Amino acid sequence: MAIYSLDGTDLDDARQRWVLAEGTALSTRGAPWNASVDIPGRFGVLPIAPSVTKSATVALKFTVFSWTDGRNGNRCKEGLEVLERNYQDLMRRLFAFGRMQTLRYTPKGAPVREAQVRPSSSVEPKLDPHSETISFTVVYEIVSGLWRGTQELVADLTNMSAFTGCVMPIPDGWLMLEPTAGTCTVRDNVSGSSFTFTGTLNGGERLLVDVAGYRAWKNPSDTWEPQRNARSADGEISMSPGGFRATPDAEGRISMTLTGTTGRFRGRMAY
């Protein structure tokens, strides 16, 4: 299995017509998005901490060969015509138009992660007629700046150990709350970001919250989907500027402080 796959297909070809080559890189980390505010008469700028990063990039280097099937040591050169055909076959896999692509990274001994990407560079192929190979690099932009786990995880808000190992904040989690007071709050202990609900539920209802969408429902179910008869609670919620973010500490642990509620959190790991 290749360390990278694109839209579900390994980028090391099963027939060894092309391989990821030396020079393939790990992804960059997007630069922090810093706001610099100058005030006349004040030294430096205001101490505004970054809360998000810009997009990241990953560079993939390929070598393309001139055989139709290189398995079992069958690596006889078959000419520049076959080389060109293999190169074009690979190009079709690497570029999609009108949609984002999913790049998956499989580090040895660590969880698989994926990101939504788009090509961000031109391709400048180098042809070696003697060895009948083409080499080139393609750069993808990770538009969110985040690698994500491939599975949705669920944890009690008082025990977020299922998310231990996160590296970056989770900006798009879901909450399912059972308030025990007229006003309830969930506060992330690292970022200080918080979610607040001020309202009442009927018997059997839970408060279901789509954090990224800034939506909430009084849901007559304990499922993670709003039911057809769920009542909107959009006007009864508030969040910190920038939203509520489950944020890991230096040890990769996430923890919350709850006031007036119990509940659960659902989301994907962020790296």
Protein backbone atom coordinates (compact mmCIF):
# COMPACT_ATOMS: atom_id res chain seq x y z
CA MET A 1 0.00 0.00 0.00
CA ALA A 2 1.27 3.45 -0.91
CA ILE A 3 1.71 6.09 1.77
CA TYR A 4 -0.65 8.29 -0.28
CA SER A 5 -3.85 7.52 -2.16
CA LEU A 6 -6.10 9.82 -4.17
CA ASP A 7 -9.86 9.34 -4.43
CA GLY A 8 -9.45 5.80 -3.10
CA THR A 9 -6.68 4.72 -5.50
CA ASP A 10 -3.11 4.03 -4.34
CA LEU A 11 -0.63 6.38 -5.99
CA ASP A 12 1.88 3.55 -6.38
CA ASP A 13 0.39 1.77 -9.40
CA ALA A 14 -0.59 -1.88 -8.89
CA ARG A 15 1.10 -2.73 -12.22
CA GLN A 16 4.13 -0.60 -11.33
CA ARG A 17 3.71 1.65 -14.36
CA TRP A 18 4.47 4.57 -12.04
CA VAL A 19 5.58 4.98 -8.44
CA LEU A 20 5.86 7.70 -5.84
CA ALA A 21 9.52 8.62 -5.97
CA GLU A 22 12.15 10.10 -3.70
CA GLY A 23 11.26 13.74 -3.21
CA THR A 24 7.67 13.04 -2.23
CA ALA A 25 7.10 15.15 0.86
CA LEU A 26 5.04 15.27 4.00
CA SER A 27 2.56 18.11 4.00
CA THR A 28 3.47 21.57 5.13
CA ARG A 29 1.73 23.17 8.10
CA GLY A 30 -0.28 26.19 7.03
CA ALA A 31 0.94 29.48 8.41
CA PRO A 32 -1.02 30.88 11.37
CA TRP A 33 -3.54 33.50 10.30
CA ASN A 34 -2.34 36.47 12.33
CA ALA A 35 -4.18 39.77 12.66
CA SER A 36 -1.73 42.64 13.17
CA VAL A 37 -3.25 45.75 14.70
CA ASP A 38 -1.04 48.83 15.10
CA ILE A 39 -1.94 51.60 17.54
CA PRO A 40 -0.11 54.93 17.32
CA GLY A 41 2.12 55.45 20.33
CA ARG A 42 2.12 51.76 21.29
CA PHE A 43 5.11 49.44 20.91
CA GLY A 44 4.58 46.56 18.49
CA VAL A 45 1.12 45.25 17.72
CA LEU A 46 -1.81 44.10 19.81
CA PRO A 47 -1.28 40.61 21.30
CA ILE A 48 -3.97 38.80 19.28
CA ALA A 49 -3.35 35.07 19.27
CA PRO A 50 -3.95 33.12 16.04
CA SER A 51 -6.97 30.82 16.08
CA VAL A 52 -6.74 29.26 12.61
CA THR A 53 -4.15 28.47 9.96
CA LYS A 54 -4.02 29.11 6.26
CA SER A 55 -4.08 26.25 3.75
CA ALA A 56 -1.26 23.71 3.59
CA THR A 57 0.43 21.94 0.66
CA VAL A 58 1.86 18.52 -0.10
CA ALA A 59 4.25 17.74 -2.97
CA LEU A 60 4.10 14.33 -4.66
CA LYS A 61 6.92 13.24 -6.99
CA PHE A 62 6.34 10.50 -9.55
CA THR A 63 8.45 8.37 -11.86
CA VAL A 64 6.64 6.85 -14.85
CA PHE A 65 8.02 3.79 -16.69
CA SER A 66 7.60 2.36 -20.19
CA TRP A 67 6.26 -1.09 -19.38
CA THR A 68 2.65 -2.21 -19.32
CA ASP A 69 3.09 -4.46 -16.28
CA GLY A 70 6.20 -4.41 -14.09
CA ARG A 71 5.15 -7.09 -11.64
CA ASN A 72 7.23 -10.24 -11.10
CA GLY A 73 10.36 -8.48 -12.28
CA ASN A 74 8.97 -8.02 -15.80
CA ARG A 75 10.54 -4.62 -16.38
CA CYS A 76 11.50 -4.66 -20.03
CA LYS A 77 11.32 -1.28 -21.75
CA GLU A 78 8.48 -1.15 -24.26
CA GLY A 79 9.20 2.15 -25.95
CA LEU A 80 8.27 5.80 -25.74
CA GLU A 81 4.75 5.15 -27.01
CA VAL A 82 3.96 3.02 -23.93
CA LEU A 83 5.69 5.59 -21.72
CA GLU A 84 3.48 8.36 -23.08
CA ARG A 85 0.35 6.25 -22.60
CA ASN A 86 1.27 5.50 -18.98
CA TYR A 87 1.98 9.19 -18.35
CA GLN A 88 -1.42 10.23 -19.70
CA ASP A 89 -3.16 7.49 -17.68
CA LEU A 90 -1.57 8.90 -14.53
CA MET A 91 -2.49 12.48 -15.45
CA ARG A 92 -6.16 11.51 -15.65
CA ARG A 93 -5.99 10.20 -12.10
CA LEU A 94 -4.18 13.19 -10.63
CA PHE A 95 -6.41 16.00 -11.91
CA ALA A 96 -10.15 16.41 -11.40
CA PHE A 97 -12.22 19.36 -12.56
CA GLY A 98 -15.40 20.68 -11.02
CA ARG A 99 -14.89 18.89 -7.70
CA MET A 100 -12.48 18.56 -4.81
CA GLN A 101 -10.35 15.44 -4.46
CA THR A 102 -9.67 13.37 -1.35
CA LEU A 103 -6.00 12.72 -0.57
CA ARG A 104 -5.44 10.03 2.03
CA TYR A 105 -2.20 9.66 4.02
CA THR A 106 -1.33 6.34 5.68
CA PRO A 107 1.66 6.79 8.02
CA LYS A 108 3.14 3.52 9.26
CA GLY A 109 1.85 2.63 12.71
CA ALA A 110 -0.44 5.67 12.96
CA PRO A 111 -4.09 6.36 12.13
CA VAL A 112 -5.05 7.00 8.52
CA ARG A 113 -5.96 10.62 7.78
CA GLU A 114 -7.42 12.42 4.79
CA ALA A 115 -7.87 15.92 3.39
CA GLN A 116 -9.83 17.69 0.71
CA VAL A 117 -7.32 18.92 -1.88
CA ARG A 118 -6.99 20.64 -5.22
CA PRO A 119 -3.97 20.80 -7.56
CA SER A 120 -2.08 24.04 -7.08
CA SER A 121 0.89 23.78 -9.45
CA SER A 122 1.71 23.21 -13.07
CA VAL A 123 3.30 19.91 -14.06
CA GLU A 124 6.74 20.14 -15.68
CA PRO A 125 7.64 16.61 -16.79
CA LYS A 126 11.25 15.61 -17.42
CA LEU A 127 11.77 12.96 -20.10
CA ASP A 128 14.79 10.65 -20.04
CA PRO A 129 14.78 8.90 -23.48
CA HIS A 130 17.64 6.59 -22.50
CA SER A 131 15.92 5.07 -19.44
CA GLU A 132 12.46 5.64 -20.97
CA THR A 133 11.12 7.37 -17.83
CA ILE A 134 9.27 10.56 -17.08
CA SER A 135 9.59 12.28 -13.71
CA PHE A 136 7.56 15.19 -12.37
CA THR A 137 6.13 16.73 -9.21
CA VAL A 138 2.55 17.79 -8.57
CA VAL A 139 1.60 19.99 -5.60
CA TYR A 140 -1.80 19.79 -3.91
CA GLU A 141 -3.32 22.42 -1.67
CA ILE A 142 -5.04 21.17 1.49
CA VAL A 143 -7.77 23.77 1.45
CA SER A 144 -8.84 23.55 5.11
CA GLY A 145 -5.26 23.38 6.36
CA LEU A 146 -6.26 20.23 8.29
CA TRP A 147 -5.81 16.50 7.91
CA ARG A 148 -8.83 14.67 9.34
CA GLY A 149 -9.47 11.24 10.73
CA THR A 150 -11.53 8.98 8.50
CA GLN A 151 -14.00 7.86 11.20
CA GLU A 152 -16.57 9.78 13.23
CA LEU A 153 -15.89 9.34 16.96
CA VAL A 154 -18.29 9.89 19.84
CA ALA A 155 -17.32 10.68 23.43
CA ASP A 156 -18.97 11.82 26.63
CA LEU A 157 -18.12 15.47 27.21
CA THR A 158 -16.74 14.58 30.64
CA ASN A 159 -14.33 12.03 29.13
CA MET A 160 -12.91 13.02 25.75
CA SER A 161 -10.19 10.34 25.75
CA ALA A 162 -11.45 8.97 22.41
CA PHE A 163 -9.94 12.10 20.83
CA THR A 164 -6.54 11.86 22.52
CA GLY A 165 -3.84 12.33 19.88
CA CYS A 166 -5.48 15.26 18.13
CA VAL A 167 -2.99 17.85 16.95
CA MET A 168 -5.28 20.63 15.76
CA PRO A 169 -8.64 22.05 16.91
CA ILE A 170 -11.80 20.31 15.71
CA PRO A 171 -13.90 23.12 14.19
CA ASP A 172 -16.91 21.13 12.97
CA GLY A 173 -18.00 18.82 15.76
CA TRP A 174 -21.57 18.08 16.87
CA LEU A 175 -23.00 18.30 20.37
CA MET A 176 -25.88 16.33 21.85
CA LEU A 177 -26.88 17.90 25.15
CA GLU A 178 -29.38 17.14 27.90
CA PRO A 179 -29.66 20.44 29.79
CA THR A 180 -30.37 20.37 33.52
CA ALA A 181 -30.81 24.14 33.88
CA GLY A 182 -32.38 27.03 31.99
CA THR A 183 -28.95 28.11 30.79
CA CYS A 184 -26.24 25.58 29.97
CA THR A 185 -22.66 26.06 28.82
CA VAL A 186 -19.97 23.82 27.37
CA ARG A 187 -16.49 25.35 27.59
CA ASP A 188 -13.31 24.02 25.97
CA ASN A 189 -10.58 24.11 28.60
CA VAL A 190 -7.70 24.87 26.21
CA SER A 191 -9.05 27.44 23.75
CA GLY A 192 -11.60 28.92 26.13
CA SER A 193 -14.20 28.81 23.35
CA SER A 194 -17.69 28.03 24.56
CA PHE A 195 -21.20 27.09 23.53
CA THR A 196 -24.28 28.34 25.42
CA PHE A 197 -27.95 27.40 25.21
CA THR A 198 -30.67 29.39 26.94
CA GLY A 199 -34.05 27.72 26.63
CA THR A 200 -36.15 24.71 27.56
CA LEU A 201 -36.75 21.26 26.09
CA ASN A 202 -39.79 19.04 26.20
CA GLY A 203 -39.63 15.60 27.76
CA GLY A 204 -37.61 13.18 25.64
CA GLU A 205 -35.90 15.93 23.63
CA ARG A 206 -32.16 16.48 23.29
CA LEU A 207 -30.42 19.58 22.05
CA LEU A 208 -28.59 18.62 18.83
CA VAL A 209 -25.99 21.14 17.66
CA ASP A 210 -24.15 21.45 14.36
CA VAL A 211 -21.24 23.63 15.51
CA ALA A 212 -19.83 24.56 12.09
CA GLY A 213 -23.28 25.30 10.67
CA TYR A 214 -24.36 27.29 13.75
CA ARG A 215 -27.58 25.25 13.84
CA ALA A 216 -29.41 23.63 16.73
CA TRP A 217 -32.53 21.49 17.08
CA LYS A 218 -34.72 20.36 19.95
CA ASN A 219 -34.62 16.80 18.75
CA PRO A 220 -37.11 14.16 19.96
CA SER A 221 -34.51 11.43 19.50
CA ASP A 222 -31.10 10.34 20.75
CA THR A 223 -29.75 10.00 17.19
CA TRP A 224 -27.29 12.36 15.53
CA GLU A 225 -29.77 13.35 12.81
CA PRO A 226 -32.48 16.00 13.33
CA GLN A 227 -35.89 14.36 13.00
CA ARG A 228 -38.65 15.76 10.78
CA ASN A 229 -40.51 17.02 13.84
CA ALA A 230 -37.43 18.53 15.50
CA ARG A 231 -37.88 22.13 16.61
CA SER A 232 -35.32 24.79 15.64
CA ALA A 233 -33.28 26.27 18.50
CA ASP A 234 -31.04 28.47 16.34
CA GLY A 235 -32.16 31.63 18.15
CA GLU A 236 -31.43 30.20 21.60
CA ILE A 237 -27.72 29.39 21.15
CA SER A 238 -24.52 31.40 21.15
CA MET A 239 -20.84 30.63 20.65
CA SER A 240 -17.52 32.36 21.08
CA PRO A 241 -16.26 34.48 18.16
CA GLY A 242 -14.88 32.02 15.64
CA GLY A 243 -17.12 29.24 16.95
CA PHE A 244 -16.78 26.46 19.50
CA ARG A 245 -13.60 24.42 18.97
CA ALA A 246 -12.54 21.24 20.74
CA THR A 247 -8.82 21.97 21.12
CA PRO A 248 -6.06 19.59 22.29
CA ASP A 249 -3.47 20.56 24.87
CA ALA A 250 0.27 19.94 24.51
CA GLU A 251 -0.29 16.25 25.34
CA GLY A 252 -2.99 15.88 22.69
CA ARG A 253 -5.83 15.70 25.23
CA ILE A 254 -9.17 17.50 24.94
CA SER A 255 -11.24 18.38 28.00
CA MET A 256 -14.43 20.34 28.65
CA THR A 257 -16.12 22.11 31.55
CA LEU A 258 -19.92 21.67 31.63
CA THR A 259 -22.38 23.89 33.43
CA GLY A 260 -26.04 22.94 33.66
CA THR A 261 -25.90 20.04 31.22
CA THR A 262 -24.64 16.59 30.36
CA GLY A 263 -23.92 15.45 26.84
CA ARG A 264 -21.79 13.95 24.14
CA PHE A 265 -19.50 15.15 21.36
CA ARG A 266 -19.13 13.73 17.85
CA GLY A 267 -16.38 14.58 15.39
CA ARG A 268 -13.30 13.51 13.48
CA MET A 269 -9.69 13.76 14.63
CA ALA A 270 -7.80 16.80 13.36
CA TYR A 271 -4.08 16.83 12.51
